[in-house]
Structure formats: structure tokens, C-alpha cells
Amino acid sequence: EAQVLVTSDHLMATDDAAAESLELPKRASSSAWNIGYFYLHHSALPAIAHWKRMCEEHPDLWDQNLFKDVFKIGRLRFETSGADAIPQAEVDKRLFRGYNGTVTIGILPVATFCGGHTYFV
């Protein structure tokens, strides 16, 4: 289902923290995506190869921001209607699309997958 699951530096859960479900995409995607750990499906490799190239071409830029920038190519897609619609089944699972609509993404729950920024702030 999800091709990329990533952690977030969002400072609080976007929904019930006890539910342990993915974060609400429209709210959590606005925060930095923390790449301390993430899960990838092999079908996301074209986007990851693009990210690797961006890191090599711009060694002075933060790899974490470049990661999100690559997935924002073609904009992040949350809608179930219109020209860039994604399936309702994905929205129901709190997934969204990135990288020109070719990669399905989910943001792991911050209550369970808490990075240092979220924990200490």
C-alpha cells in the first residue's frame, strides 16, 4: 500500500495519539519529514535515486529537506476529485501521493516514532 513511510518533526499527534494510526496527511506533511528512519518499498527507488542525485549535486543543502523537496515534485496530492485525484481507499488509510503522483506516502505516528526534535521540544 504505502511505498514510503516517513517520520515527522510535527510537534504533536494530528489525531488521537493512542490510536497509533498514520498522521493526518494535510496537517503533518507541513512539518519537516525526519529521515532518521523511514520505510521504503522497492517501487519508490526512482524517487530515492532522484534524492541521491540531489544530495550529490547540492552537498551544502540539508538532505532531510531535499528528501521532502523531491517528493513534492508535481505537488503533494491529497484530493479524491479533480485531475490529480487519488483513490478514496488511500485517503481512508491516511496516505497521499508525491513525486508527480507516482509514490504513495504515509507519515508515521509521532507518538510511536518520535524523533529527537519532537521528543525534546
Foldseek 3Di string as FASTA:
>chain_A
DAQKEFAFLPQAACDPLVVQAFGQCVVRLVGFTDVPDMDGDVQCVVLVVVLVVVCVVCVPDDSSVSSSVSFCVLHKAQACDDPLHDPPVLNVRNWIGGNNRRGIYTYGGCSVVPDPSNVVD
